[in-house]
Amino acid sequence: MSQSSKSHLSKRVLKLNVGFLFGENSALTHNSELDVPRVRVADDLILNQLKGIIHLSRTKEGILLQTTLTASIDDNCFRCLEDIDHVMELNIQELYGFHGSKDTEFHIDEDGILDLTPLIRSEVLIEQAYCKPCRLNASGKCGYCDKTFAEVTGYEQEERLDPRFAVLKKLLDSQ
């Protein structure tokens, strides 16, 4: 799918102002709803949608972000390469350290802005790599396009024997 042909929002919508959580009370919490249509997260990633509730908690080390987000991207079926809308669930729990802290990977700017962009990008790319979009149903067909490998390629995949076991196969066949 051509991603550049569709308009998208800027990644600025993934920046949250959490300055109000910087107070002296370390037990402050806040929930934010995120419902973002098509957004460019990075040059190599455009999300079709990002949706969920973000729970922010003030700790003495920084701001703890906890959420389960639903994200979708344009992708291809792992088996048949058909275009699909790959929907994934991202379970995230990350500590954003205060400016100058070296104990956390992600930080909050001096102005109180928490940038979700790097975290969302890494989580989506990890999830995309581990959860291949093609899922086979009980009949051995792709769960997205409902085709078998043979229908897509035009031939049945024959059983292939590892050449290292050829001698053993000969021995078994002779008995």
N, C-alpha and C. Protein backbone atom coordinates (compact mmCIF):
# COMPACT_ATOMS: atom_id res chain seq x y z
N MET A 1 0.84 -1.18 0.00
CA MET A 1 0.00 0.00 0.00
C MET A 1 0.88 1.23 0.00
N SER A 2 0.47 2.21 -0.72
CA SER A 2 1.25 3.44 -0.77
C SER A 2 0.90 4.30 0.43
N GLN A 3 1.84 4.41 1.36
CA GLN A 3 1.58 5.16 2.57
C GLN A 3 1.66 6.66 2.35
N SER A 4 2.44 7.08 1.38
CA SER A 4 2.60 8.52 1.17
C SER A 4 1.39 9.15 0.50
N SER A 5 0.50 8.34 -0.09
CA SER A 5 -0.65 8.90 -0.79
C SER A 5 -1.75 9.33 0.17
N LYS A 6 -1.73 8.88 1.42
CA LYS A 6 -2.76 9.24 2.38
C LYS A 6 -2.20 10.28 3.34
N SER A 7 -3.01 11.24 3.72
CA SER A 7 -2.52 12.26 4.65
C SER A 7 -2.46 11.67 6.06
N HIS A 8 -1.65 12.29 6.89
CA HIS A 8 -1.47 11.81 8.25
C HIS A 8 -1.18 12.99 9.17
N LEU A 9 -1.37 12.75 10.47
CA LEU A 9 -1.07 13.77 11.47
C LEU A 9 0.42 13.77 11.77
N SER A 10 0.89 14.86 12.30
CA SER A 10 2.27 14.97 12.73
C SER A 10 2.47 14.22 14.04
N LYS A 11 3.69 13.78 14.29
CA LYS A 11 3.98 13.07 15.54
C LYS A 11 3.90 13.98 16.76
N ARG A 12 3.68 15.27 16.57
CA ARG A 12 3.53 16.20 17.71
C ARG A 12 2.33 15.82 18.57
N VAL A 13 1.34 15.12 18.00
CA VAL A 13 0.17 14.73 18.78
C VAL A 13 0.52 13.67 19.82
N LEU A 14 1.71 13.10 19.74
CA LEU A 14 2.15 12.08 20.70
C LEU A 14 3.01 12.66 21.82
N LYS A 15 2.94 13.97 21.99
CA LYS A 15 3.66 14.63 23.07
C LYS A 15 2.65 15.08 24.11
N LEU A 16 2.88 14.66 25.36
CA LEU A 16 1.97 14.99 26.45
C LEU A 16 2.62 15.96 27.41
N ASN A 17 1.88 16.97 27.83
CA ASN A 17 2.38 17.90 28.84
C ASN A 17 2.05 17.30 30.20
N VAL A 18 3.10 16.90 30.93
CA VAL A 18 2.91 16.29 32.25
C VAL A 18 3.49 17.17 33.36
N GLY A 19 3.72 18.44 33.06
CA GLY A 19 4.29 19.37 34.03
C GLY A 19 3.47 19.47 35.30
N PHE A 20 2.15 19.31 35.20
CA PHE A 20 1.30 19.41 36.38
C PHE A 20 1.54 18.26 37.36
N LEU A 21 2.23 17.19 36.92
CA LEU A 21 2.56 16.08 37.81
C LEU A 21 3.88 16.28 38.54
N PHE A 22 4.56 17.41 38.29
CA PHE A 22 5.87 17.66 38.89
C PHE A 22 5.79 18.17 40.32
N GLY A 23 4.59 18.32 40.87
CA GLY A 23 4.44 18.85 42.23
C GLY A 23 5.19 18.03 43.26
N GLU A 24 5.21 18.50 44.46
CA GLU A 24 5.95 17.84 45.52
C GLU A 24 5.32 16.53 45.96
N ASN A 25 4.04 16.36 45.74
CA ASN A 25 3.35 15.13 46.11
C ASN A 25 3.72 14.03 45.12
N SER A 26 4.36 12.97 45.60
CA SER A 26 4.80 11.92 44.68
C SER A 26 3.73 10.88 44.42
N ALA A 27 2.49 11.12 44.83
CA ALA A 27 1.42 10.16 44.61
C ALA A 27 0.39 10.66 43.60
N LEU A 28 0.74 11.64 42.80
CA LEU A 28 -0.19 12.17 41.82
C LEU A 28 -0.36 11.19 40.66
N THR A 29 -1.59 11.07 40.16
CA THR A 29 -1.87 10.23 39.01
C THR A 29 -2.76 10.98 38.04
N HIS A 30 -2.77 10.51 36.81
CA HIS A 30 -3.61 11.13 35.78
C HIS A 30 -3.86 10.10 34.68
N ASN A 31 -5.08 10.08 34.15
CA ASN A 31 -5.41 9.23 33.01
C ASN A 31 -5.68 10.11 31.80
N SER A 32 -5.17 9.70 30.66
CA SER A 32 -5.41 10.41 29.40
C SER A 32 -5.89 9.42 28.37
N GLU A 33 -6.89 9.82 27.61
CA GLU A 33 -7.37 8.97 26.53
C GLU A 33 -6.65 9.35 25.25
N LEU A 34 -6.17 8.36 24.54
CA LEU A 34 -5.47 8.57 23.28
C LEU A 34 -6.29 7.93 22.18
N ASP A 35 -6.73 8.72 21.22
CA ASP A 35 -7.47 8.21 20.07
C ASP A 35 -7.00 9.02 18.87
N VAL A 36 -5.95 8.52 18.23
CA VAL A 36 -5.29 9.26 17.16
C VAL A 36 -5.49 8.52 15.84
N PRO A 37 -6.06 9.19 14.85
CA PRO A 37 -6.14 8.57 13.53
C PRO A 37 -4.76 8.64 12.86
N ARG A 38 -4.63 8.15 11.73
CA ARG A 38 -3.40 8.07 10.94
C ARG A 38 -2.34 9.12 11.34
N VAL A 39 -1.22 8.61 11.88
CA VAL A 39 -0.17 9.49 12.37
C VAL A 39 1.20 8.95 11.94
N ARG A 40 2.07 9.86 11.51
CA ARG A 40 3.44 9.48 11.17
C ARG A 40 4.25 9.51 12.46
N VAL A 41 4.71 8.35 12.89
CA VAL A 41 5.50 8.24 14.11
C VAL A 41 6.96 8.52 13.81
N ALA A 42 7.44 8.03 12.67
CA ALA A 42 8.81 8.23 12.23
C ALA A 42 8.83 8.12 10.71
N ASP A 43 9.98 8.39 10.11
CA ASP A 43 10.07 8.31 8.65
C ASP A 43 9.73 6.92 8.13
N ASP A 44 9.97 5.90 8.95
CA ASP A 44 9.74 4.53 8.52
C ASP A 44 8.47 3.90 9.10
N LEU A 45 7.62 4.70 9.77
CA LEU A 45 6.44 4.12 10.41
C LEU A 45 5.27 5.10 10.44
N ILE A 46 4.18 4.67 9.83
CA ILE A 46 2.92 5.41 9.89
C ILE A 46 1.87 4.48 10.50
N LEU A 47 1.21 4.94 11.56
CA LEU A 47 0.15 4.16 12.18
C LEU A 47 -1.19 4.57 11.58
N ASN A 48 -2.03 3.60 11.29
CA ASN A 48 -3.38 3.90 10.80
C ASN A 48 -4.26 4.39 11.94
N GLN A 49 -3.99 3.89 13.14
CA GLN A 49 -4.74 4.32 14.32
C GLN A 49 -3.95 3.94 15.56
N LEU A 50 -4.12 4.74 16.60
CA LEU A 50 -3.53 4.48 17.91
C LEU A 50 -4.58 4.86 18.94
N LYS A 51 -4.96 3.89 19.78
CA LYS A 51 -6.07 4.13 20.68
C LYS A 51 -5.84 3.43 22.02
N GLY A 52 -6.21 4.10 23.11
CA GLY A 52 -6.13 3.49 24.43
C GLY A 52 -6.14 4.54 25.53
N ILE A 53 -6.12 4.06 26.77
CA ILE A 53 -6.08 4.92 27.95
C ILE A 53 -4.66 4.85 28.52
N ILE A 54 -4.08 6.01 28.77
CA ILE A 54 -2.74 6.09 29.33
C ILE A 54 -2.86 6.50 30.79
N HIS A 55 -2.29 5.68 31.66
CA HIS A 55 -2.28 5.98 33.10
C HIS A 55 -0.89 6.48 33.47
N LEU A 56 -0.83 7.71 33.99
CA LEU A 56 0.44 8.33 34.39
C LEU A 56 0.48 8.45 35.91
N SER A 57 1.58 8.01 36.51
CA SER A 57 1.76 8.10 37.97
C SER A 57 3.08 8.78 38.28
N ARG A 58 3.04 9.76 39.18
CA ARG A 58 4.25 10.46 39.61
C ARG A 58 4.95 9.59 40.64
N THR A 59 6.23 9.32 40.42
CA THR A 59 7.06 8.62 41.39
C THR A 59 8.25 9.52 41.71
N LYS A 60 9.05 9.14 42.68
CA LYS A 60 10.21 9.98 42.99
C LYS A 60 11.27 9.91 41.90
N GLU A 61 11.24 8.85 41.06
CA GLU A 61 12.21 8.72 39.96
C GLU A 61 11.75 9.40 38.68
N GLY A 62 10.44 9.59 38.52
CA GLY A 62 9.92 10.17 37.28
C GLY A 62 8.43 9.93 37.14
N ILE A 63 7.99 9.75 35.90
CA ILE A 63 6.58 9.50 35.60
C ILE A 63 6.47 8.07 35.06
N LEU A 64 5.67 7.25 35.73
CA LEU A 64 5.43 5.89 35.29
C LEU A 64 4.25 5.89 34.34
N LEU A 65 4.46 5.39 33.14
CA LEU A 65 3.42 5.29 32.12
C LEU A 65 2.99 3.84 32.03
N GLN A 66 1.69 3.60 32.16
CA GLN A 66 1.12 2.26 32.03
C GLN A 66 -0.05 2.34 31.07
N THR A 67 -0.08 1.44 30.09
CA THR A 67 -1.15 1.48 29.11
C THR A 67 -1.23 0.18 28.32
N THR A 68 -2.38 -0.04 27.73
CA THR A 68 -2.56 -1.04 26.69
C THR A 68 -3.15 -0.29 25.52
N LEU A 69 -2.37 -0.17 24.46
CA LEU A 69 -2.78 0.58 23.28
C LEU A 69 -3.08 -0.38 22.13
N THR A 70 -4.06 -0.01 21.33
CA THR A 70 -4.33 -0.73 20.10
C THR A 70 -3.79 0.12 18.96
N ALA A 71 -2.93 -0.49 18.16
CA ALA A 71 -2.32 0.21 17.03
C ALA A 71 -2.54 -0.61 15.77
N SER A 72 -2.59 0.05 14.63
CA SER A 72 -2.68 -0.68 13.37
C SER A 72 -1.78 -0.02 12.34
N ILE A 73 -1.20 -0.86 11.49
CA ILE A 73 -0.31 -0.40 10.43
C ILE A 73 -0.65 -1.12 9.14
N ASP A 74 -0.29 -0.51 8.01
CA ASP A 74 -0.38 -1.19 6.73
C ASP A 74 0.76 -2.20 6.68
N ASP A 75 0.44 -3.42 6.32
CA ASP A 75 1.44 -4.48 6.32
C ASP A 75 1.09 -5.46 5.20
N ASN A 76 1.84 -6.53 5.12
CA ASN A 76 1.57 -7.59 4.17
C ASN A 76 1.43 -8.90 4.92
N CYS A 77 0.55 -9.75 4.42
CA CYS A 77 0.39 -11.07 5.00
C CYS A 77 1.73 -11.80 4.89
N PHE A 78 2.14 -12.44 5.96
CA PHE A 78 3.42 -13.14 5.99
C PHE A 78 3.46 -14.29 4.99
N ARG A 79 2.32 -14.90 4.73
CA ARG A 79 2.28 -16.06 3.83
C ARG A 79 2.05 -15.69 2.38
N CYS A 80 1.03 -14.88 2.13
CA CYS A 80 0.62 -14.65 0.73
C CYS A 80 0.96 -13.26 0.23
N LEU A 81 1.48 -12.40 1.09
CA LEU A 81 1.90 -11.04 0.74
C LEU A 81 0.76 -10.12 0.33
N GLU A 82 -0.48 -10.50 0.64
CA GLU A 82 -1.62 -9.61 0.40
C GLU A 82 -1.52 -8.43 1.36
N ASP A 83 -2.01 -7.25 0.92
CA ASP A 83 -2.05 -6.08 1.80
C ASP A 83 -3.06 -6.31 2.91
N ILE A 84 -2.68 -5.99 4.14
CA ILE A 84 -3.59 -6.14 5.28
C ILE A 84 -3.45 -4.93 6.20
N ASP A 85 -4.42 -4.75 7.06
CA ASP A 85 -4.36 -3.78 8.14
C ASP A 85 -3.98 -4.59 9.37
N HIS A 86 -2.72 -4.52 9.79
CA HIS A 86 -2.19 -5.32 10.90
C HIS A 86 -2.52 -4.62 12.21
N VAL A 87 -3.44 -5.18 12.97
CA VAL A 87 -3.85 -4.62 14.26
C VAL A 87 -3.08 -5.34 15.36
N MET A 88 -2.51 -4.57 16.27
CA MET A 88 -1.73 -5.16 17.35
C MET A 88 -2.07 -4.49 18.68
N GLU A 89 -1.86 -5.23 19.75
CA GLU A 89 -2.09 -4.71 21.09
C GLU A 89 -0.73 -4.52 21.76
N LEU A 90 -0.50 -3.32 22.25
CA LEU A 90 0.78 -2.98 22.88
C LEU A 90 0.57 -2.81 24.38
N ASN A 91 1.13 -3.71 25.17
CA ASN A 91 1.08 -3.60 26.63
C ASN A 91 2.37 -2.92 27.07
N ILE A 92 2.25 -1.71 27.59
CA ILE A 92 3.44 -0.90 27.88
C ILE A 92 3.44 -0.47 29.34
N GLN A 93 4.60 -0.60 29.94
CA GLN A 93 4.84 -0.05 31.28
C GLN A 93 6.26 0.48 31.24
N GLU A 94 6.40 1.80 31.29
CA GLU A 94 7.72 2.44 31.13
C GLU A 94 7.85 3.61 32.07
N LEU A 95 9.04 3.75 32.65
CA LEU A 95 9.33 4.88 33.52
C LEU A 95 10.07 5.94 32.72
N TYR A 96 9.50 7.15 32.70
CA TYR A 96 10.14 8.31 32.07
C TYR A 96 10.85 9.07 33.19
N GLY A 97 12.16 9.14 33.13
CA GLY A 97 12.93 9.84 34.14
C GLY A 97 12.85 11.35 33.96
N PHE A 98 13.07 12.05 35.06
CA PHE A 98 13.11 13.51 34.99
C PHE A 98 14.35 13.95 34.23
N HIS A 99 14.32 15.15 33.69
CA HIS A 99 15.43 15.68 32.90
C HIS A 99 16.75 15.56 33.68
N GLY A 100 17.76 15.01 33.04
CA GLY A 100 19.06 14.85 33.68
C GLY A 100 19.27 13.48 34.32
N SER A 101 18.20 12.71 34.49
CA SER A 101 18.32 11.38 35.08
C SER A 101 18.97 10.43 34.08
N LYS A 102 19.90 9.61 34.58
CA LYS A 102 20.58 8.66 33.70
C LYS A 102 20.13 7.23 33.98
N ASP A 103 19.12 7.07 34.82
CA ASP A 103 18.66 5.74 35.22
C ASP A 103 17.61 5.14 34.29
N THR A 104 17.05 5.94 33.38
CA THR A 104 15.98 5.44 32.52
C THR A 104 16.32 5.71 31.05
N GLU A 105 15.71 4.92 30.19
CA GLU A 105 15.93 5.07 28.75
C GLU A 105 15.20 6.30 28.20
N PHE A 106 14.00 6.57 28.72
CA PHE A 106 13.19 7.68 28.23
C PHE A 106 13.14 8.78 29.28
N HIS A 107 13.08 10.04 28.81
CA HIS A 107 13.14 11.18 29.71
C HIS A 107 12.05 12.20 29.39
N ILE A 108 11.76 13.01 30.39
CA ILE A 108 10.82 14.12 30.24
C ILE A 108 11.64 15.38 30.07
N ASP A 109 11.31 16.19 29.09
CA ASP A 109 12.03 17.45 28.87
C ASP A 109 11.86 18.40 30.05
N GLU A 110 12.73 19.40 30.12
CA GLU A 110 12.65 20.41 31.19
C GLU A 110 11.31 21.12 31.21
N ASP A 111 10.69 21.26 30.03
CA ASP A 111 9.42 21.96 29.94
C ASP A 111 8.21 21.08 30.30
N GLY A 112 8.47 19.85 30.76
CA GLY A 112 7.38 18.97 31.19
C GLY A 112 6.72 18.19 30.08
N ILE A 113 7.37 18.08 28.93
CA ILE A 113 6.79 17.37 27.78
C ILE A 113 7.31 15.94 27.75
N LEU A 114 6.38 15.01 27.75
CA LEU A 114 6.69 13.58 27.65
C LEU A 114 6.43 13.16 26.21
N ASP A 115 7.45 12.74 25.50
CA ASP A 115 7.33 12.37 24.08
C ASP A 115 7.14 10.86 23.97
N LEU A 116 5.96 10.46 23.51
CA LEU A 116 5.65 9.04 23.34
C LEU A 116 6.24 8.44 22.06
N THR A 117 6.69 9.28 21.14
CA THR A 117 7.10 8.82 19.81
C THR A 117 8.15 7.72 19.83
N PRO A 118 9.30 7.89 20.49
CA PRO A 118 10.30 6.81 20.44
C PRO A 118 9.81 5.50 21.07
N LEU A 119 9.05 5.61 22.15
CA LEU A 119 8.52 4.42 22.82
C LEU A 119 7.52 3.69 21.92
N ILE A 120 6.57 4.42 21.34
CA ILE A 120 5.56 3.82 20.47
C ILE A 120 6.23 3.17 19.26
N ARG A 121 7.20 3.86 18.66
CA ARG A 121 7.90 3.32 17.49
C ARG A 121 8.57 1.99 17.82
N SER A 122 9.31 1.97 18.92
CA SER A 122 10.02 0.73 19.26
C SER A 122 9.05 -0.40 19.60
N GLU A 123 7.98 -0.11 20.33
CA GLU A 123 7.01 -1.14 20.68
C GLU A 123 6.30 -1.71 19.45
N VAL A 124 5.93 -0.84 18.51
CA VAL A 124 5.25 -1.31 17.29
C VAL A 124 6.20 -2.17 16.45
N LEU A 125 7.43 -1.73 16.28
CA LEU A 125 8.37 -2.50 15.47
C LEU A 125 8.69 -3.85 16.11
N ILE A 126 8.79 -3.90 17.42
CA ILE A 126 9.01 -5.18 18.10
C ILE A 126 7.81 -6.09 17.92
N GLU A 127 6.62 -5.56 18.13
CA GLU A 127 5.40 -6.36 18.01
C GLU A 127 5.21 -6.85 16.58
N GLN A 128 5.52 -6.02 15.61
CA GLN A 128 5.39 -6.41 14.20
C GLN A 128 6.34 -7.57 13.88
N ALA A 129 7.53 -7.54 14.44
CA ALA A 129 8.52 -8.58 14.15
C ALA A 129 8.15 -9.92 14.79
N TYR A 130 7.59 -9.90 15.99
CA TYR A 130 7.29 -11.15 16.68
C TYR A 130 5.92 -11.71 16.37
N CYS A 131 4.98 -10.90 16.01
CA CYS A 131 3.63 -11.38 15.71
C CYS A 131 3.40 -11.26 14.22
N LYS A 132 3.76 -12.29 13.51
CA LYS A 132 3.57 -12.26 12.06
C LYS A 132 2.07 -12.17 11.76
N PRO A 133 1.69 -11.33 10.82
CA PRO A 133 0.26 -11.10 10.57
C PRO A 133 -0.51 -12.31 10.07
N CYS A 134 0.16 -13.21 9.37
CA CYS A 134 -0.57 -14.35 8.81
C CYS A 134 -0.87 -15.36 9.90
N ARG A 135 -2.12 -15.66 10.09
CA ARG A 135 -2.53 -16.68 11.05
C ARG A 135 -3.33 -17.72 10.31
N LEU A 136 -2.99 -18.96 10.51
CA LEU A 136 -3.70 -20.03 9.84
C LEU A 136 -4.91 -20.44 10.66
N ASN A 137 -6.02 -20.65 9.96
CA ASN A 137 -7.20 -21.15 10.66
C ASN A 137 -7.14 -22.68 10.67
N ALA A 138 -8.17 -23.32 11.16
CA ALA A 138 -8.17 -24.78 11.32
C ALA A 138 -7.98 -25.52 10.00
N SER A 139 -8.39 -24.93 8.88
CA SER A 139 -8.25 -25.61 7.59
C SER A 139 -6.91 -25.35 6.92
N GLY A 140 -5.99 -24.68 7.62
CA GLY A 140 -4.67 -24.43 7.05
C GLY A 140 -4.63 -23.25 6.11
N LYS A 141 -5.66 -22.41 6.15
CA LYS A 141 -5.70 -21.24 5.29
C LYS A 141 -5.31 -20.00 6.08
N CYS A 142 -4.88 -18.98 5.35
CA CYS A 142 -4.52 -17.72 5.95
C CYS A 142 -5.76 -17.10 6.59
N GLY A 143 -5.62 -16.62 7.84
CA GLY A 143 -6.74 -16.01 8.54
C GLY A 143 -7.15 -14.66 7.98
N TYR A 144 -6.31 -14.05 7.15
CA TYR A 144 -6.63 -12.75 6.56
C TYR A 144 -7.21 -12.87 5.16
N CYS A 145 -6.53 -13.62 4.28
CA CYS A 145 -6.97 -13.67 2.88
C CYS A 145 -7.69 -14.96 2.54
N ASP A 146 -7.72 -15.93 3.46
CA ASP A 146 -8.41 -17.21 3.30
C ASP A 146 -7.87 -18.03 2.11
N LYS A 147 -6.56 -17.91 1.84
CA LYS A 147 -5.93 -18.68 0.78
C LYS A 147 -4.92 -19.64 1.41
N THR A 148 -4.68 -20.76 0.71
CA THR A 148 -3.62 -21.66 1.15
C THR A 148 -2.34 -21.29 0.41
N PHE A 149 -1.22 -21.79 0.89
CA PHE A 149 0.05 -21.52 0.24
C PHE A 149 0.04 -22.03 -1.20
N ALA A 150 -0.57 -23.19 -1.42
CA ALA A 150 -0.63 -23.77 -2.77
C ALA A 150 -1.44 -22.88 -3.71
N GLU A 151 -2.52 -22.28 -3.23
CA GLU A 151 -3.34 -21.41 -4.07
C GLU A 151 -2.57 -20.15 -4.48
N VAL A 152 -1.73 -19.67 -3.60
CA VAL A 152 -0.97 -18.45 -3.87
C VAL A 152 0.19 -18.73 -4.80
N THR A 153 0.90 -19.84 -4.57
CA THR A 153 2.10 -20.13 -5.36
C THR A 153 1.81 -20.96 -6.60
N GLY A 154 0.70 -21.68 -6.63
CA GLY A 154 0.36 -22.48 -7.80
C GLY A 154 0.92 -23.90 -7.74
N TYR A 155 1.56 -24.28 -6.68
CA TYR A 155 2.04 -25.66 -6.57
C TYR A 155 1.98 -26.12 -5.13
N GLU A 156 1.84 -27.42 -4.97
CA GLU A 156 1.85 -28.01 -3.64
C GLU A 156 3.29 -28.11 -3.17
N GLN A 157 3.52 -27.82 -1.93
CA GLN A 157 4.87 -27.92 -1.39
C GLN A 157 5.12 -29.39 -1.05
N GLU A 158 6.13 -29.95 -1.69
CA GLU A 158 6.44 -31.35 -1.45
C GLU A 158 7.29 -31.48 -0.18
N GLU A 159 7.24 -32.69 0.39
CA GLU A 159 8.02 -32.93 1.58
C GLU A 159 9.50 -32.91 1.22
N ARG A 160 10.27 -32.11 1.91
CA ARG A 160 11.69 -31.99 1.62
C ARG A 160 12.48 -32.68 2.71
N LEU A 161 13.47 -33.43 2.30
CA LEU A 161 14.31 -34.17 3.23
C LEU A 161 15.65 -33.48 3.36
N ASP A 162 16.08 -33.32 4.58
CA ASP A 162 17.40 -32.76 4.84
C ASP A 162 18.44 -33.71 4.24
N PRO A 163 19.36 -33.22 3.38
CA PRO A 163 20.33 -34.10 2.72
C PRO A 163 21.18 -34.90 3.70
N ARG A 164 21.34 -34.41 4.91
CA ARG A 164 22.14 -35.14 5.89
C ARG A 164 21.45 -36.44 6.33
N PHE A 165 20.14 -36.52 6.12
CA PHE A 165 19.41 -37.73 6.51
C PHE A 165 19.11 -38.65 5.33
N ALA A 166 19.64 -38.35 4.16
CA ALA A 166 19.37 -39.15 2.96
C ALA A 166 19.81 -40.61 3.14
N VAL A 167 20.95 -40.82 3.74
CA VAL A 167 21.45 -42.17 3.96
C VAL A 167 20.53 -42.94 4.89
N LEU A 168 20.06 -42.27 5.92
CA LEU A 168 19.13 -42.93 6.83
C LEU A 168 17.81 -43.28 6.14
N LYS A 169 17.34 -42.41 5.27
CA LYS A 169 16.09 -42.68 4.54
C LYS A 169 16.28 -43.89 3.64
N LYS A 170 17.43 -44.00 2.97
CA LYS A 170 17.70 -45.17 2.12
C LYS A 170 17.66 -46.45 2.96
N LEU A 171 18.25 -46.38 4.12
CA LEU A 171 18.29 -47.53 4.99
C LEU A 171 16.88 -47.92 5.43
N LEU A 172 16.05 -46.94 5.78
CA LEU A 172 14.67 -47.23 6.17
C LEU A 172 13.86 -47.76 5.00
N ASP A 173 14.06 -47.21 3.81
CA ASP A 173 13.33 -47.67 2.63
C ASP A 173 13.70 -49.09 2.25
N SER A 174 14.94 -49.49 2.50
CA SER A 174 15.38 -50.84 2.12
C SER A 174 14.81 -51.90 3.05
N GLN A 175 14.35 -51.53 4.24
CA GLN A 175 13.81 -52.52 5.18
C GLN A 175 12.38 -52.71 4.97
